[in-house]
Amino acid sequence: MAKFVITQKQLDHIVENVKKNKLNEDSDGSYMAKQQLFVIATMAYKMWEMLDDNAQLEDWMESKIAQCEQSVSSVVKAYLYDEFDAELKGMDTLSYDDLVIGK
């Protein structure tokens, strides 16, 4: 398992946010998704900061990053679809181009 090095300040911030989210638990259990998204965003940003523009990653690492991007994009698109669908009472008034994220 890879080890990540974070500062004490970063750790304190993560712990504070986890505790805050735990106090604000929703009855539907979606608070876990917020915590998981926070961890994904934090780790992804840290990795982005560490990588040089010309850095070479192992093939399996690039594959995992690509899979993660696809997975997160799928969830975001589905969530946005549900939000737009509820707001607009159907997709007839929304262009499918509005759901494109990324490339």
N, C-alpha and C. Protein backbone atom coordinates (compact mmCIF):
# COMPACT_ATOMS: atom_id res chain seq x y z
N MET A 1 0.85 -1.18 0.00
CA MET A 1 0.00 0.00 0.00
C MET A 1 0.89 1.23 0.00
N ALA A 2 0.55 2.19 -0.84
CA ALA A 2 1.32 3.43 -0.94
C ALA A 2 1.09 4.30 0.29
N LYS A 3 2.11 5.03 0.65
CA LYS A 3 2.01 5.93 1.78
C LYS A 3 1.92 7.35 1.26
N PHE A 4 1.03 8.15 1.83
CA PHE A 4 0.89 9.54 1.48
C PHE A 4 1.39 10.38 2.64
N VAL A 5 2.13 11.40 2.34
CA VAL A 5 2.65 12.29 3.36
C VAL A 5 1.83 13.57 3.31
N ILE A 6 1.24 13.92 4.44
CA ILE A 6 0.49 15.16 4.54
C ILE A 6 0.97 15.90 5.79
N THR A 7 0.76 17.19 5.79
CA THR A 7 1.18 17.99 6.94
C THR A 7 0.17 17.82 8.07
N GLN A 8 0.59 18.21 9.25
CA GLN A 8 -0.30 18.16 10.41
C GLN A 8 -1.50 19.07 10.19
N LYS A 9 -1.26 20.21 9.57
CA LYS A 9 -2.35 21.15 9.28
C LYS A 9 -3.37 20.52 8.34
N GLN A 10 -2.89 19.82 7.29
CA GLN A 10 -3.80 19.14 6.37
C GLN A 10 -4.59 18.04 7.08
N LEU A 11 -3.91 17.28 7.93
CA LEU A 11 -4.59 16.22 8.68
C LEU A 11 -5.65 16.80 9.61
N ASP A 12 -5.30 17.87 10.31
CA ASP A 12 -6.27 18.52 11.20
C ASP A 12 -7.50 19.00 10.42
N HIS A 13 -7.25 19.54 9.24
CA HIS A 13 -8.35 20.02 8.39
C HIS A 13 -9.26 18.86 7.98
N ILE A 14 -8.66 17.74 7.58
CA ILE A 14 -9.44 16.56 7.18
C ILE A 14 -10.26 16.04 8.36
N VAL A 15 -9.62 15.92 9.51
CA VAL A 15 -10.32 15.42 10.70
C VAL A 15 -11.47 16.34 11.08
N GLU A 16 -11.24 17.64 11.02
CA GLU A 16 -12.28 18.62 11.33
C GLU A 16 -13.48 18.47 10.39
N ASN A 17 -13.20 18.32 9.11
CA ASN A 17 -14.28 18.15 8.13
C ASN A 17 -15.03 16.84 8.32
N VAL A 18 -14.33 15.78 8.63
CA VAL A 18 -14.99 14.49 8.86
C VAL A 18 -15.89 14.59 10.09
N LYS A 19 -15.38 15.20 11.16
CA LYS A 19 -16.21 15.37 12.37
C LYS A 19 -17.43 16.23 12.08
N LYS A 20 -17.23 17.31 11.33
CA LYS A 20 -18.34 18.21 10.99
C LYS A 20 -19.39 17.48 10.17
N ASN A 21 -18.95 16.70 9.20
CA ASN A 21 -19.88 15.93 8.37
C ASN A 21 -20.59 14.86 9.18
N LYS A 22 -19.90 14.29 10.15
CA LYS A 22 -20.52 13.26 10.99
C LYS A 22 -21.64 13.86 11.83
N LEU A 23 -21.45 15.10 12.27
CA LEU A 23 -22.49 15.76 13.06
C LEU A 23 -23.69 16.14 12.20
N ASN A 24 -23.47 16.32 10.90
CA ASN A 24 -24.53 16.73 9.99
C ASN A 24 -25.06 15.57 9.16
N GLU A 25 -25.03 14.36 9.72
CA GLU A 25 -25.47 13.18 8.98
C GLU A 25 -26.91 13.33 8.53
N ASP A 26 -27.14 12.99 7.25
CA ASP A 26 -28.50 12.94 6.73
C ASP A 26 -29.07 11.57 7.01
N SER A 27 -30.38 11.48 7.13
CA SER A 27 -31.00 10.20 7.41
C SER A 27 -30.87 9.23 6.25
N ASP A 28 -30.61 9.74 5.03
CA ASP A 28 -30.49 8.86 3.88
C ASP A 28 -29.08 8.30 3.71
N GLY A 29 -28.15 8.70 4.54
CA GLY A 29 -26.81 8.15 4.50
C GLY A 29 -25.90 8.77 3.45
N SER A 30 -26.31 9.83 2.79
CA SER A 30 -25.49 10.42 1.74
C SER A 30 -24.27 11.16 2.30
N TYR A 31 -24.20 11.32 3.60
CA TYR A 31 -23.05 11.99 4.18
C TYR A 31 -21.77 11.23 3.89
N MET A 32 -21.84 9.92 3.74
CA MET A 32 -20.64 9.13 3.42
C MET A 32 -20.11 9.51 2.04
N ALA A 33 -20.98 9.76 1.10
CA ALA A 33 -20.55 10.14 -0.24
C ALA A 33 -19.79 11.46 -0.18
N LYS A 34 -20.24 12.39 0.64
CA LYS A 34 -19.55 13.68 0.76
C LYS A 34 -18.15 13.47 1.32
N GLN A 35 -18.03 12.62 2.32
CA GLN A 35 -16.71 12.33 2.90
C GLN A 35 -15.80 11.67 1.87
N GLN A 36 -16.35 10.72 1.15
CA GLN A 36 -15.55 10.01 0.15
C GLN A 36 -15.13 10.95 -0.98
N LEU A 37 -16.03 11.82 -1.41
CA LEU A 37 -15.68 12.79 -2.44
C LEU A 37 -14.60 13.75 -1.95
N PHE A 38 -14.67 14.11 -0.69
CA PHE A 38 -13.66 14.99 -0.11
C PHE A 38 -12.29 14.31 -0.15
N VAL A 39 -12.24 13.04 0.23
CA VAL A 39 -10.98 12.31 0.22
C VAL A 39 -10.46 12.18 -1.21
N ILE A 40 -11.34 11.85 -2.16
CA ILE A 40 -10.93 11.73 -3.56
C ILE A 40 -10.36 13.06 -4.05
N ALA A 41 -11.07 14.15 -3.79
CA ALA A 41 -10.62 15.47 -4.25
C ALA A 41 -9.30 15.85 -3.61
N THR A 42 -9.15 15.60 -2.32
CA THR A 42 -7.92 15.95 -1.61
C THR A 42 -6.73 15.16 -2.13
N MET A 43 -6.92 13.85 -2.27
CA MET A 43 -5.82 13.00 -2.75
C MET A 43 -5.48 13.31 -4.21
N ALA A 44 -6.50 13.54 -5.03
CA ALA A 44 -6.26 13.85 -6.44
C ALA A 44 -5.50 15.17 -6.57
N TYR A 45 -5.88 16.15 -5.78
CA TYR A 45 -5.19 17.44 -5.84
C TYR A 45 -3.74 17.30 -5.38
N LYS A 46 -3.53 16.54 -4.32
CA LYS A 46 -2.17 16.33 -3.81
C LYS A 46 -1.32 15.64 -4.87
N MET A 47 -1.87 14.63 -5.53
CA MET A 47 -1.14 13.92 -6.57
C MET A 47 -0.85 14.86 -7.75
N TRP A 48 -1.82 15.67 -8.12
CA TRP A 48 -1.67 16.64 -9.21
C TRP A 48 -0.52 17.61 -8.90
N GLU A 49 -0.44 18.05 -7.64
CA GLU A 49 0.63 18.96 -7.23
C GLU A 49 2.00 18.28 -7.32
N MET A 50 2.08 17.01 -6.97
CA MET A 50 3.36 16.31 -6.94
C MET A 50 3.88 15.95 -8.33
N LEU A 51 2.98 15.75 -9.29
CA LEU A 51 3.39 15.31 -10.62
C LEU A 51 3.98 16.45 -11.44
N ASP A 52 5.12 16.19 -12.05
CA ASP A 52 5.68 17.12 -13.02
C ASP A 52 4.95 16.92 -14.33
N ASP A 53 5.03 17.92 -15.22
CA ASP A 53 4.35 17.83 -16.51
C ASP A 53 4.84 16.64 -17.34
N ASN A 54 6.10 16.29 -17.20
CA ASN A 54 6.67 15.20 -17.99
C ASN A 54 6.82 13.91 -17.19
N ALA A 55 6.14 13.82 -16.06
CA ALA A 55 6.27 12.63 -15.20
C ALA A 55 5.73 11.39 -15.90
N GLN A 56 6.41 10.28 -15.68
CA GLN A 56 5.98 9.00 -16.23
C GLN A 56 5.41 8.15 -15.10
N LEU A 57 4.17 7.73 -15.25
CA LEU A 57 3.56 6.83 -14.28
C LEU A 57 3.54 5.43 -14.86
N GLU A 58 3.45 4.46 -13.99
CA GLU A 58 3.33 3.08 -14.45
C GLU A 58 1.98 2.93 -15.14
N ASP A 59 1.90 1.97 -16.06
CA ASP A 59 0.67 1.76 -16.83
C ASP A 59 -0.53 1.51 -15.94
N TRP A 60 -0.36 0.72 -14.89
CA TRP A 60 -1.50 0.41 -14.02
C TRP A 60 -1.99 1.66 -13.30
N MET A 61 -1.08 2.59 -12.99
CA MET A 61 -1.47 3.84 -12.33
C MET A 61 -2.31 4.70 -13.28
N GLU A 62 -1.85 4.82 -14.52
CA GLU A 62 -2.61 5.60 -15.50
C GLU A 62 -3.98 4.98 -15.75
N SER A 63 -4.04 3.65 -15.75
CA SER A 63 -5.31 2.95 -15.94
C SER A 63 -6.27 3.23 -14.80
N LYS A 64 -5.78 3.19 -13.57
CA LYS A 64 -6.63 3.47 -12.40
C LYS A 64 -7.14 4.91 -12.42
N ILE A 65 -6.28 5.84 -12.81
CA ILE A 65 -6.69 7.25 -12.89
C ILE A 65 -7.78 7.41 -13.95
N ALA A 66 -7.61 6.76 -15.10
CA ALA A 66 -8.60 6.84 -16.17
C ALA A 66 -9.93 6.22 -15.72
N GLN A 67 -9.87 5.10 -15.03
CA GLN A 67 -11.09 4.46 -14.52
C GLN A 67 -11.81 5.36 -13.53
N CYS A 68 -11.04 5.98 -12.65
CA CYS A 68 -11.61 6.88 -11.65
C CYS A 68 -12.28 8.08 -12.31
N GLU A 69 -11.61 8.64 -13.32
CA GLU A 69 -12.21 9.78 -14.03
C GLU A 69 -13.54 9.38 -14.66
N GLN A 70 -13.57 8.22 -15.30
CA GLN A 70 -14.80 7.75 -15.93
C GLN A 70 -15.89 7.51 -14.90
N SER A 71 -15.53 6.92 -13.77
CA SER A 71 -16.51 6.63 -12.73
C SER A 71 -17.10 7.90 -12.14
N VAL A 72 -16.23 8.84 -11.79
CA VAL A 72 -16.70 10.10 -11.20
C VAL A 72 -17.53 10.88 -12.22
N SER A 73 -17.08 10.91 -13.48
CA SER A 73 -17.85 11.61 -14.52
C SER A 73 -19.23 11.00 -14.69
N SER A 74 -19.32 9.67 -14.65
CA SER A 74 -20.62 9.00 -14.78
C SER A 74 -21.56 9.39 -13.64
N VAL A 75 -21.03 9.43 -12.43
CA VAL A 75 -21.86 9.79 -11.27
C VAL A 75 -22.32 11.24 -11.39
N VAL A 76 -21.41 12.14 -11.74
CA VAL A 76 -21.76 13.56 -11.85
C VAL A 76 -22.81 13.76 -12.94
N LYS A 77 -22.63 13.11 -14.09
CA LYS A 77 -23.61 13.24 -15.17
C LYS A 77 -24.98 12.73 -14.74
N ALA A 78 -25.01 11.59 -14.06
CA ALA A 78 -26.29 11.04 -13.59
C ALA A 78 -26.93 11.97 -12.57
N TYR A 79 -26.12 12.51 -11.67
CA TYR A 79 -26.64 13.43 -10.65
C TYR A 79 -27.19 14.69 -11.30
N LEU A 80 -26.43 15.25 -12.26
CA LEU A 80 -26.90 16.45 -12.96
C LEU A 80 -28.17 16.15 -13.76
N TYR A 81 -28.23 14.99 -14.38
CA TYR A 81 -29.41 14.60 -15.13
C TYR A 81 -30.63 14.58 -14.21
N ASP A 82 -30.48 13.96 -13.04
CA ASP A 82 -31.60 13.90 -12.09
C ASP A 82 -32.01 15.29 -11.62
N GLU A 83 -31.00 16.16 -11.37
CA GLU A 83 -31.30 17.52 -10.93
C GLU A 83 -32.02 18.30 -12.02
N PHE A 84 -31.54 18.24 -13.25
CA PHE A 84 -32.17 18.94 -14.37
C PHE A 84 -33.54 18.37 -14.66
N ASP A 85 -33.65 17.04 -14.61
CA ASP A 85 -34.92 16.39 -14.90
C ASP A 85 -35.99 16.82 -13.90
N ALA A 86 -35.62 16.88 -12.64
CA ALA A 86 -36.58 17.30 -11.61
C ALA A 86 -36.93 18.78 -11.76
N GLU A 87 -35.93 19.59 -12.08
CA GLU A 87 -36.15 21.03 -12.20
C GLU A 87 -36.95 21.38 -13.45
N LEU A 88 -36.66 20.72 -14.55
CA LEU A 88 -37.27 21.07 -15.81
C LEU A 88 -38.50 20.22 -16.15
N LYS A 89 -38.79 19.25 -15.32
CA LYS A 89 -39.91 18.33 -15.54
C LYS A 89 -39.75 17.59 -16.86
N GLY A 90 -38.53 17.15 -17.11
CA GLY A 90 -38.27 16.39 -18.31
C GLY A 90 -37.07 16.93 -19.06
N MET A 91 -36.49 16.11 -19.91
CA MET A 91 -35.29 16.49 -20.63
C MET A 91 -35.57 17.18 -21.95
N ASP A 92 -36.85 17.39 -22.33
CA ASP A 92 -37.16 17.97 -23.62
C ASP A 92 -36.60 19.37 -23.79
N THR A 93 -36.44 20.12 -22.69
CA THR A 93 -35.97 21.50 -22.79
C THR A 93 -34.47 21.63 -22.56
N LEU A 94 -33.77 20.50 -22.38
CA LEU A 94 -32.34 20.54 -22.08
C LEU A 94 -31.56 19.90 -23.21
N SER A 95 -30.50 20.58 -23.65
CA SER A 95 -29.62 20.03 -24.67
C SER A 95 -28.71 18.98 -24.04
N TYR A 96 -28.52 17.88 -24.71
CA TYR A 96 -27.63 16.85 -24.19
C TYR A 96 -26.19 17.34 -24.09
N ASP A 97 -25.84 18.36 -24.85
CA ASP A 97 -24.51 18.93 -24.76
C ASP A 97 -24.25 19.53 -23.38
N ASP A 98 -25.30 19.90 -22.67
CA ASP A 98 -25.16 20.46 -21.33
C ASP A 98 -24.66 19.43 -20.33
N LEU A 99 -24.77 18.15 -20.66
CA LEU A 99 -24.36 17.09 -19.75
C LEU A 99 -22.94 16.62 -20.01
N VAL A 100 -22.27 17.19 -20.99
CA VAL A 100 -20.90 16.78 -21.30
C VAL A 100 -19.96 17.43 -20.31
N ILE A 101 -19.14 16.61 -19.68
CA ILE A 101 -18.18 17.09 -18.71
C ILE A 101 -16.81 16.63 -19.16
N GLY A 102 -15.88 17.52 -19.18
CA GLY A 102 -14.54 17.13 -19.59
C GLY A 102 -14.36 17.26 -21.08
N LYS A 103 -13.83 16.21 -21.68
CA LYS A 103 -13.48 16.22 -23.11
C LYS A 103 -14.67 16.38 -23.99
